[in-house]
Amino acid sequence: MTNDTTERVLIGSKDVMRMLNIGRTTLHRVRTKDSTFPKPIKDGPHRQAHAHFVKAEVEAWIKSKADSRHAA
């Protein structure tokens, strides 16, 4: 059983970049080209509003990518 609080932890783009060991441009490219990448939660309607990601969703995405390597 998972804790609801754990599933709702939000992290910033910089944290996502650290988790994936990539830069801002590569993160943008991944978000654009991979429809399975978790969608951000924006602070506002503006294009430059801060984007936050649900940590559990990013971790699940990373796990699915790692698991798909073994299936190939």
Protein backbone atom coordinates (compact mmCIF):
# COMPACT_ATOMS: atom_id res chain seq x y z
CA MET A 1 0.00 0.00 0.00
CA THR A 2 1.41 3.39 -1.02
CA ASN A 3 1.17 6.57 0.94
CA ASP A 4 -0.99 9.26 -0.74
CA THR A 5 1.41 11.98 0.41
CA THR A 6 4.36 10.26 -1.25
CA GLU A 7 2.54 10.07 -4.57
CA ARG A 8 1.81 13.81 -4.55
CA VAL A 9 5.32 15.12 -3.96
CA LEU A 10 6.04 17.79 -6.56
CA ILE A 11 9.53 18.41 -7.91
CA GLY A 12 10.84 21.12 -10.19
CA SER A 13 12.37 20.85 -13.63
CA LYS A 14 15.86 21.07 -12.14
CA ASP A 15 15.16 18.00 -9.99
CA VAL A 16 13.88 16.09 -13.04
CA MET A 17 17.01 17.08 -14.97
CA ARG A 18 19.18 15.81 -12.09
CA MET A 19 17.26 12.52 -11.93
CA LEU A 20 17.75 11.98 -15.67
CA ASN A 21 21.23 13.54 -15.82
CA ILE A 22 20.21 15.78 -18.72
CA GLY A 23 20.07 19.50 -19.46
CA ARG A 24 17.14 21.85 -20.04
CA THR A 25 17.18 21.48 -23.84
CA THR A 26 17.19 17.69 -23.65
CA LEU A 27 14.34 17.74 -21.11
CA HIS A 28 12.32 19.90 -23.49
CA ARG A 29 13.10 17.50 -26.35
CA VAL A 30 12.03 14.47 -24.29
CA ARG A 31 8.80 16.20 -23.21
CA THR A 32 8.04 17.10 -26.83
CA LYS A 33 8.87 13.77 -28.48
CA ASP A 34 7.80 11.23 -25.85
CA SER A 35 4.05 11.30 -25.25
CA THR A 36 4.46 8.95 -22.27
CA PHE A 37 6.56 11.49 -20.34
CA PRO A 38 4.62 12.87 -17.35
CA LYS A 39 2.84 16.16 -17.97
CA PRO A 40 3.90 19.09 -15.79
CA ILE A 41 1.67 21.00 -13.42
CA LYS A 42 2.08 24.69 -14.20
CA ASP A 43 1.95 27.50 -11.62
CA GLY A 44 -0.09 29.65 -13.97
CA PRO A 45 -1.41 30.06 -17.50
CA HIS A 46 1.69 31.81 -18.81
CA ARG A 47 4.23 30.07 -21.00
CA GLN A 48 7.02 30.88 -18.57
CA ALA A 49 5.13 29.73 -15.47
CA HIS A 50 7.10 27.32 -13.30
CA ALA A 51 6.51 23.66 -14.13
CA HIS A 52 6.36 21.01 -11.42
CA PHE A 53 6.22 17.28 -11.89
CA VAL A 54 4.77 14.54 -9.68
CA LYS A 55 7.88 12.71 -8.47
CA ALA A 56 6.20 9.28 -8.48
CA GLU A 57 5.15 9.75 -12.13
CA VAL A 58 8.70 10.63 -13.19
CA GLU A 59 10.08 7.65 -11.26
CA ALA A 60 7.48 5.35 -12.87
CA TRP A 61 8.40 6.71 -16.33
CA ILE A 62 12.10 6.00 -15.67
CA LYS A 63 11.24 2.47 -14.48
CA SER A 64 9.10 1.80 -17.57
CA LYS A 65 11.96 2.90 -19.83
CA ALA A 66 14.40 0.66 -17.98
CA ASP A 67 11.96 -2.27 -18.06
CA SER A 68 11.39 -1.86 -21.82
CA ARG A 69 15.12 -2.30 -22.40
CA HIS A 70 14.96 -5.80 -20.97
CA ALA A 71 11.91 -6.72 -23.05
CA ALA A 72 13.63 -5.87 -26.34
